[in-house]
């Protein structure tokens, strides 16, 4: 828990800067008008169904999907494959380790509710980013740690936090997470979607996903959906 607290404190820097800037408006005589304008913007944003996408690889996508679906502002999570060379790969092909693809999740979220900074915070807590081409007993390049950015801002934030976490030695080992451009995402077979929700009695769900999900819930208890 001490390690995760340190990670949260580091990732929280970007969010804190935003909050401090927002609070500085309190010194303005036009504070009330500004708040009205901000609330109006939020209402407009909600009506326009503003959304954005984050794509993360952090080991088995069953576990990643189950964790990120818990967060407020996350509208949907799709399990699939990305980062490789084979078009329209199957789960069996990716599992063999010859496609170059990683198991990954496309996360559709509302930036008015949860920021990309906060999603990165969850990413670095949800798995061990210091393990090269594996997560626990899941071994192979398909289980690598990777961030697939959709724009330059996502790239800069990902690289910044990796450098910051490494510099502060938040982990006992160096982070090996790769940061690369998002190109194409292939949705996995239907039975992989909502896997944990549909297969909670399976041994893998009980022994691997459930303990990780419980730890994730404790860390992000204030950011979970009702």
C-alpha atoms as a PDB file:
ATOM      1  CA  UNK A   1       0.000   0.000   0.000  1.00  0.00           C
ATOM      2  CA  UNK A   2       2.946   2.331   0.686  1.00  0.00           C
ATOM      3  CA  UNK A   3       4.162   1.813  -2.888  1.00  0.00           C
ATOM      4  CA  UNK A   4       0.716   2.521  -4.335  1.00  0.00           C
ATOM      5  CA  UNK A   5       0.399   5.648  -2.196  1.00  0.00           C
ATOM      6  CA  UNK A   6       3.682   6.927  -3.610  1.00  0.00           C
ATOM      7  CA  UNK A   7       2.475   6.253  -7.148  1.00  0.00           C
ATOM      8  CA  UNK A   8      -0.802   8.045  -6.483  1.00  0.00           C
ATOM      9  CA  UNK A   9       1.044  11.041  -5.047  1.00  0.00           C
ATOM     10  CA  UNK A  10       3.285  11.248  -8.106  1.00  0.00           C
ATOM     11  CA  UNK A  11       0.534  10.838 -10.673  1.00  0.00           C
ATOM     12  CA  UNK A  12      -1.572  13.295  -8.701  1.00  0.00           C
ATOM     13  CA  UNK A  13       0.824  16.158  -9.456  1.00  0.00           C
ATOM     14  CA  UNK A  14      -0.802  16.891 -12.806  1.00  0.00           C
ATOM     15  CA  UNK A  15      -4.270  16.761 -11.301  1.00  0.00           C
ATOM     16  CA  UNK A  16      -3.220  18.944  -8.354  1.00  0.00           C
ATOM     17  CA  UNK A  17      -1.863  21.621 -10.698  1.00  0.00           C
ATOM     18  CA  UNK A  18      -5.247  21.735 -12.408  1.00  0.00           C
ATOM     19  CA  UNK A  19      -7.102  22.010  -9.100  1.00  0.00           C
ATOM     20  CA  UNK A  20      -4.825  24.789  -7.839  1.00  0.00           C
ATOM     21  CA  UNK A  21      -5.378  26.722 -11.058  1.00  0.00           C
ATOM     22  CA  UNK A  22      -9.129  26.272 -10.739  1.00  0.00           C
ATOM     23  CA  UNK A  23      -9.130  27.454  -7.127  1.00  0.00           C
ATOM     24  CA  UNK A  24      -7.241  30.614  -8.069  1.00  0.00           C
ATOM     25  CA  UNK A  25     -10.464  31.859  -9.670  1.00  0.00           C
ATOM     26  CA  UNK A  26     -11.794  32.364  -6.134  1.00  0.00           C
ATOM     27  CA  UNK A  27      -9.892  35.653  -5.923  1.00  0.00           C
ATOM     28  CA  UNK A  28     -11.805  37.104  -8.839  1.00  0.00           C
ATOM     29  CA  UNK A  29     -14.797  39.394  -8.432  1.00  0.00           C
ATOM     30  CA  UNK A  30     -16.367  37.501 -11.310  1.00  0.00           C
ATOM     31  CA  UNK A  31     -16.148  34.155  -9.523  1.00  0.00           C
ATOM     32  CA  UNK A  32     -19.911  33.584  -9.592  1.00  0.00           C
ATOM     33  CA  UNK A  33     -20.119  34.288 -13.330  1.00  0.00           C
ATOM     34  CA  UNK A  34     -17.182  32.016 -14.012  1.00  0.00           C
ATOM     35  CA  UNK A  35     -18.791  29.171 -12.083  1.00  0.00           C
ATOM     36  CA  UNK A  36     -22.014  29.644 -14.000  1.00  0.00           C
ATOM     37  CA  UNK A  37     -20.065  29.543 -17.262  1.00  0.00           C
ATOM     38  CA  UNK A  38     -18.202  26.401 -16.203  1.00  0.00           C
ATOM     39  CA  UNK A  39     -21.426  24.671 -15.181  1.00  0.00           C
ATOM     40  CA  UNK A  40     -22.978  25.645 -18.476  1.00  0.00           C
ATOM     41  CA  UNK A  41     -19.986  24.187 -20.322  1.00  0.00           C
ATOM     42  CA  UNK A  42     -20.331  20.923 -18.402  1.00  0.00           C
ATOM     43  CA  UNK A  43     -24.014  20.774 -19.289  1.00  0.00           C
ATOM     44  CA  UNK A  44     -23.256  21.387 -22.944  1.00  0.00           C
ATOM     45  CA  UNK A  45     -20.523  18.745 -22.842  1.00  0.00           C
ATOM     46  CA  UNK A  46     -22.945  16.214 -21.359  1.00  0.00           C
ATOM     47  CA  UNK A  47     -25.508  16.958 -24.025  1.00  0.00           C
ATOM     48  CA  UNK A  48     -22.930  16.523 -26.757  1.00  0.00           C
ATOM     49  CA  UNK A  49     -21.817  13.179 -25.253  1.00  0.00           C
ATOM     50  CA  UNK A  50     -18.151  14.149 -25.222  1.00  0.00           C
ATOM     51  CA  UNK A  51     -15.883  11.120 -25.073  1.00  0.00           C
ATOM     52  CA  UNK A  52     -12.278  10.130 -25.560  1.00  0.00           C
ATOM     53  CA  UNK A  53     -10.292   6.899 -25.827  1.00  0.00           C
ATOM     54  CA  UNK A  54      -7.365   5.446 -23.915  1.00  0.00           C
ATOM     55  CA  UNK A  55      -5.667   2.195 -24.930  1.00  0.00           C
ATOM     56  CA  UNK A  56      -3.629   0.215 -22.405  1.00  0.00           C
ATOM     57  CA  UNK A  57      -1.929  -3.177 -22.337  1.00  0.00           C
ATOM     58  CA  UNK A  58      -1.285  -4.419 -18.805  1.00  0.00           C
ATOM     59  CA  UNK A  59      -1.265  -8.185 -18.880  1.00  0.00           C
ATOM     60  CA  UNK A  60      -4.380 -10.326 -19.251  1.00  0.00           C
ATOM     61  CA  UNK A  61      -7.147  -8.165 -20.683  1.00  0.00           C
ATOM     62  CA  UNK A  62      -9.769  -9.942 -18.574  1.00  0.00           C
ATOM     63  CA  UNK A  63      -8.262  -8.391 -15.453  1.00  0.00           C
ATOM     64  CA  UNK A  64      -7.668  -4.957 -17.001  1.00  0.00           C
ATOM     65  CA  UNK A  65     -11.239  -4.801 -18.291  1.00  0.00           C
ATOM     66  CA  UNK A  66     -12.714  -5.737 -14.905  1.00  0.00           C
ATOM     67  CA  UNK A  67     -10.692  -3.041 -13.129  1.00  0.00           C
ATOM     68  CA  UNK A  68     -11.274  -0.102 -15.459  1.00  0.00           C
ATOM     69  CA  UNK A  69     -15.007  -0.790 -15.779  1.00  0.00           C
ATOM     70  CA  UNK A  70     -15.262   0.102 -12.076  1.00  0.00           C
ATOM     71  CA  UNK A  71     -14.222   3.738 -12.541  1.00  0.00           C
ATOM     72  CA  UNK A  72     -16.620   6.660 -12.760  1.00  0.00           C
ATOM     73  CA  UNK A  73     -16.479   8.272 -16.175  1.00  0.00           C
ATOM     74  CA  UNK A  74     -15.509   5.078 -17.989  1.00  0.00           C
ATOM     75  CA  UNK A  75     -18.312   4.351 -20.410  1.00  0.00           C
ATOM     76  CA  UNK A  76     -17.090   1.104 -21.932  1.00  0.00           C
ATOM     77  CA  UNK A  77     -14.089  -1.187 -22.030  1.00  0.00           C
ATOM     78  CA  UNK A  78     -13.385  -3.452 -24.993  1.00  0.00           C
ATOM     79  CA  UNK A  79     -10.874  -6.299 -24.858  1.00  0.00           C
ATOM     80  CA  UNK A  80      -8.778  -6.860 -27.952  1.00  0.00           C
ATOM     81  CA  UNK A  81      -5.378  -6.893 -29.581  1.00  0.00           C
ATOM     82  CA  UNK A  82      -3.039  -4.178 -30.840  1.00  0.00           C
ATOM     83  CA  UNK A  83       0.596  -3.382 -31.510  1.00  0.00           C
ATOM     84  CA  UNK A  84       1.346  -6.295 -33.826  1.00  0.00           C
ATOM     85  CA  UNK A  85       1.640  -7.144 -37.505  1.00  0.00           C
ATOM     86  CA  UNK A  86      -1.097  -9.733 -38.146  1.00  0.00           C
ATOM     87  CA  UNK A  87      -4.469  -8.460 -39.355  1.00  0.00           C
ATOM     88  CA  UNK A  88      -7.629  -9.731 -37.649  1.00  0.00           C
ATOM     89  CA  UNK A  89      -5.809 -12.071 -35.263  1.00  0.00           C
ATOM     90  CA  UNK A  90      -7.588 -14.695 -33.189  1.00  0.00           C
ATOM     91  CA  UNK A  91      -7.035 -15.222 -29.483  1.00  0.00           C
ATOM     92  CA  UNK A  92      -5.262 -18.510 -30.226  1.00  0.00           C
ATOM     93  CA  UNK A  93      -2.875 -16.784 -32.630  1.00  0.00           C
ATOM     94  CA  UNK A  94      -2.055 -14.000 -30.181  1.00  0.00           C
ATOM     95  CA  UNK A  95      -1.617 -16.489 -27.336  1.00  0.00           C
ATOM     96  CA  UNK A  96       0.980 -18.343 -29.418  1.00  0.00           C
ATOM     97  CA  UNK A  97       3.120 -15.200 -29.292  1.00  0.00           C
ATOM     98  CA  UNK A  98       3.824 -14.861 -33.006  1.00  0.00           C
ATOM     99  CA  UNK A  99       1.566 -11.974 -34.024  1.00  0.00           C
ATOM    100  CA  UNK A 100       3.385  -9.176 -32.201  1.00  0.00           C
ATOM    101  CA  UNK A 101       0.081  -8.088 -30.683  1.00  0.00           C
ATOM    102  CA  UNK A 102      -0.517  -7.412 -27.027  1.00  0.00           C
ATOM    103  CA  UNK A 103      -3.710  -8.142 -25.151  1.00  0.00           C
ATOM    104  CA  UNK A 104      -5.112  -4.660 -24.609  1.00  0.00           C
ATOM    105  CA  UNK A 105      -8.216  -2.692 -23.712  1.00  0.00           C
ATOM    106  CA  UNK A 106      -9.842   0.223 -25.502  1.00  0.00           C
ATOM    107  CA  UNK A 107     -11.293   2.444 -22.794  1.00  0.00           C
ATOM    108  CA  UNK A 108     -13.983   4.929 -23.806  1.00  0.00           C
ATOM    109  CA  UNK A 109     -14.309   7.628 -21.156  1.00  0.00           C
ATOM    110  CA  UNK A 110     -15.864  10.993 -20.414  1.00  0.00           C
ATOM    111  CA  UNK A 111     -13.036  13.526 -19.895  1.00  0.00           C
ATOM    112  CA  UNK A 112     -15.427  15.760 -17.967  1.00  0.00           C
ATOM    113  CA  UNK A 113     -15.685  13.053 -15.305  1.00  0.00           C
ATOM    114  CA  UNK A 114     -12.298  11.315 -15.388  1.00  0.00           C
ATOM    115  CA  UNK A 115      -9.097  12.679 -16.885  1.00  0.00           C
ATOM    116  CA  UNK A 116      -6.390  10.882 -18.818  1.00  0.00           C
ATOM    117  CA  UNK A 117      -4.067  11.609 -15.877  1.00  0.00           C
ATOM    118  CA  UNK A 118      -6.406   9.651 -13.620  1.00  0.00           C
ATOM    119  CA  UNK A 119      -6.572   6.770 -16.096  1.00  0.00           C
ATOM    120  CA  UNK A 120      -2.766   6.661 -16.122  1.00  0.00           C
ATOM    121  CA  UNK A 121      -2.887   6.615 -12.335  1.00  0.00           C
ATOM    122  CA  UNK A 122      -5.125   3.542 -12.514  1.00  0.00           C
ATOM    123  CA  UNK A 123      -2.911   1.950 -15.170  1.00  0.00           C
ATOM    124  CA  UNK A 124       0.217   2.143 -13.020  1.00  0.00           C
ATOM    125  CA  UNK A 125      -1.618   0.713 -10.011  1.00  0.00           C
ATOM    126  CA  UNK A 126      -3.553  -1.997 -11.879  1.00  0.00           C
ATOM    127  CA  UNK A 127      -0.449  -4.003 -12.811  1.00  0.00           C
ATOM    128  CA  UNK A 128       3.309  -4.226 -12.297  1.00  0.00           C
ATOM    129  CA  UNK A 129       4.879  -2.112 -15.080  1.00  0.00           C
ATOM    130  CA  UNK A 130       8.372  -3.368 -14.208  1.00  0.00           C
ATOM    131  CA  UNK A 131       7.751  -6.912 -15.431  1.00  0.00           C
ATOM    132  CA  UNK A 132       9.031  -7.411 -18.973  1.00  0.00           C
ATOM    133  CA  UNK A 133       6.710  -9.369 -21.259  1.00  0.00           C
ATOM    134  CA  UNK A 134       4.714 -10.885 -18.424  1.00  0.00           C
ATOM    135  CA  UNK A 135       2.305 -10.328 -15.565  1.00  0.00           C
ATOM    136  CA  UNK A 136       2.615 -12.942 -12.851  1.00  0.00           C
ATOM    137  CA  UNK A 137       2.253 -16.379 -14.407  1.00  0.00           C
ATOM    138  CA  UNK A 138       1.076 -14.963 -17.738  1.00  0.00           C
ATOM    139  CA  UNK A 139       4.270 -14.947 -19.790  1.00  0.00           C
ATOM    140  CA  UNK A 140       4.933 -13.712 -23.322  1.00  0.00           C
ATOM    141  CA  UNK A 141       5.089 -10.507 -25.374  1.00  0.00           C
ATOM    142  CA  UNK A 142       1.293 -10.585 -25.584  1.00  0.00           C
ATOM    143  CA  UNK A 143       1.238  -9.716 -21.875  1.00  0.00           C
ATOM    144  CA  UNK A 144       3.627  -6.758 -22.112  1.00  0.00           C
ATOM    145  CA  UNK A 145       3.037  -3.401 -20.471  1.00  0.00           C
ATOM    146  CA  UNK A 146       2.281  -0.712 -23.052  1.00  0.00           C
ATOM    147  CA  UNK A 147       0.502   2.588 -23.544  1.00  0.00           C
ATOM    148  CA  UNK A 148      -0.855   3.256 -27.029  1.00  0.00           C
ATOM    149  CA  UNK A 149      -1.377   7.001 -27.315  1.00  0.00           C
ATOM    150  CA  UNK A 150      -4.063   8.603 -29.486  1.00  0.00           C
ATOM    151  CA  UNK A 151      -2.563  12.106 -29.583  1.00  0.00           C
ATOM    152  CA  UNK A 152       0.527  14.056 -28.610  1.00  0.00           C
ATOM    153  CA  UNK A 153      -0.908  15.095 -25.260  1.00  0.00           C
ATOM    154  CA  UNK A 154      -1.421  11.467 -24.224  1.00  0.00           C
ATOM    155  CA  UNK A 155       2.123  10.682 -25.354  1.00  0.00           C
ATOM    156  CA  UNK A 156       3.628  13.531 -23.345  1.00  0.00           C
ATOM    157  CA  UNK A 157       1.684  12.635 -20.200  1.00  0.00           C
ATOM    158  CA  UNK A 158       2.627   8.954 -20.429  1.00  0.00           C
ATOM    159  CA  UNK A 159       6.322   9.723 -20.931  1.00  0.00           C
ATOM    160  CA  UNK A 160       6.280  12.341 -18.175  1.00  0.00           C
ATOM    161  CA  UNK A 161       4.844  10.016 -15.545  1.00  0.00           C
ATOM    162  CA  UNK A 162       7.119   7.116 -16.492  1.00  0.00           C
ATOM    163  CA  UNK A 163      10.141   9.406 -16.128  1.00  0.00           C
ATOM    164  CA  UNK A 164       8.777  10.807 -12.866  1.00  0.00           C
ATOM    165  CA  UNK A 165       8.035   7.405 -11.333  1.00  0.00           C
ATOM    166  CA  UNK A 166      11.435   6.050 -12.356  1.00  0.00           C
ATOM    167  CA  UNK A 167      13.169   9.151 -11.028  1.00  0.00           C
ATOM    168  CA  UNK A 168      11.449   8.840  -7.670  1.00  0.00           C
ATOM    169  CA  UNK A 169      12.062   5.078  -7.588  1.00  0.00           C
ATOM    170  CA  UNK A 170       8.388   4.407  -6.980  1.00  0.00           C
ATOM    171  CA  UNK A 171       9.053   0.781  -7.859  1.00  0.00           C
ATOM    172  CA  UNK A 172      12.001  -1.389  -6.812  1.00  0.00           C
ATOM    173  CA  UNK A 173      12.810  -1.884 -10.496  1.00  0.00           C
ATOM    174  CA  UNK A 174      12.722   0.324 -13.576  1.00  0.00           C
ATOM    175  CA  UNK A 175       9.448   0.672 -15.466  1.00  0.00           C
ATOM    176  CA  UNK A 176       9.532  -1.186 -18.810  1.00  0.00           C
ATOM    177  CA  UNK A 177       6.215   0.130 -20.154  1.00  0.00           C
ATOM    178  CA  UNK A 178       6.488   1.105 -23.822  1.00  0.00           C
ATOM    179  CA  UNK A 179       4.781   4.192 -25.230  1.00  0.00           C
ATOM    180  CA  UNK A 180       3.790   3.903 -28.870  1.00  0.00           C
ATOM    181  CA  UNK A 181       1.226   5.350 -31.287  1.00  0.00           C
ATOM    182  CA  UNK A 182      -2.191   3.766 -31.566  1.00  0.00           C
ATOM    183  CA  UNK A 183      -2.695   2.334 -35.041  1.00  0.00           C
ATOM    184  CA  UNK A 184      -5.353  -0.352 -35.211  1.00  0.00           C
ATOM    185  CA  UNK A 185      -7.287  -2.247 -32.572  1.00  0.00           C
ATOM    186  CA  UNK A 186      -8.838  -5.647 -33.190  1.00  0.00           C
ATOM    187  CA  UNK A 187     -11.730  -6.598 -30.951  1.00  0.00           C
ATOM    188  CA  UNK A 188     -11.316 -10.009 -29.328  1.00  0.00           C
ATOM    189  CA  UNK A 189     -13.919 -12.741 -29.672  1.00  0.00           C
ATOM    190  CA  UNK A 190     -17.252 -12.109 -27.964  1.00  0.00           C
ATOM    191  CA  UNK A 191     -16.620 -14.541 -25.115  1.00  0.00           C
ATOM    192  CA  UNK A 192     -13.702 -12.357 -23.948  1.00  0.00           C
ATOM    193  CA  UNK A 193     -15.929  -9.315 -23.458  1.00  0.00           C
ATOM    194  CA  UNK A 194     -17.148  -8.833 -19.869  1.00  0.00           C
ATOM    195  CA  UNK A 195     -15.289 -12.035 -19.090  1.00  0.00           C
ATOM    196  CA  UNK A 196     -15.046 -11.579 -15.343  1.00  0.00           C
ATOM    197  CA  UNK A 197     -18.682 -10.520 -14.992  1.00  0.00           C
ATOM    198  CA  UNK A 198     -19.802 -13.611 -16.912  1.00  0.00           C
ATOM    199  CA  UNK A 199     -17.368 -16.148 -15.442  1.00  0.00           C
ATOM    200  CA  UNK A 200     -16.828 -15.274 -11.785  1.00  0.00           C
ATOM    201  CA  UNK A 201     -16.908 -18.913 -10.715  1.00  0.00           C
ATOM    202  CA  UNK A 202     -13.980 -19.834 -12.995  1.00  0.00           C
ATOM    203  CA  UNK A 203     -10.723 -20.648 -11.108  1.00  0.00           C
ATOM    204  CA  UNK A 204      -8.728 -17.934 -12.944  1.00  0.00           C
ATOM    205  CA  UNK A 205     -11.325 -15.317 -12.031  1.00  0.00           C
ATOM    206  CA  UNK A 206     -11.365 -16.343  -8.384  1.00  0.00           C
ATOM    207  CA  UNK A 207      -7.627 -16.805  -7.905  1.00  0.00           C
ATOM    208  CA  UNK A 208      -6.220 -14.027 -10.092  1.00  0.00           C
ATOM    209  CA  UNK A 209      -8.785 -11.421 -11.101  1.00  0.00           C
ATOM    210  CA  UNK A 210     -10.817 -11.219  -7.889  1.00  0.00           C
ATOM    211  CA  UNK A 211      -7.844 -10.462  -5.556  1.00  0.00           C
ATOM    212  CA  UNK A 212      -6.486  -7.834  -7.973  1.00  0.00           C
ATOM    213  CA  UNK A 213      -9.920  -6.264  -8.336  1.00  0.00           C
ATOM    214  CA  UNK A 214     -10.368  -6.049  -4.569  1.00  0.00           C
ATOM    215  CA  UNK A 215      -7.019  -4.265  -4.175  1.00  0.00           C
ATOM    216  CA  UNK A 216      -7.918  -1.915  -7.044  1.00  0.00           C
ATOM    217  CA  UNK A 217     -11.237  -1.060  -5.371  1.00  0.00           C
ATOM    218  CA  UNK A 218      -9.517  -0.184  -2.109  1.00  0.00           C
ATOM    219  CA  UNK A 219      -7.096   2.212  -3.788  1.00  0.00           C
ATOM    220  CA  UNK A 220      -9.764   3.914  -5.920  1.00  0.00           C
ATOM    221  CA  UNK A 221     -12.706   3.690  -3.510  1.00  0.00           C
ATOM    222  CA  UNK A 222     -13.560   7.363  -4.060  1.00  0.00           C
ATOM    223  CA  UNK A 223     -13.605   7.020  -7.847  1.00  0.00           C
ATOM    224  CA  UNK A 224     -15.768   3.940  -8.243  1.00  0.00           C
ATOM    225  CA  UNK A 225     -19.184   3.847  -9.849  1.00  0.00           C
ATOM    226  CA  UNK A 226     -22.160   3.565  -7.521  1.00  0.00           C
END
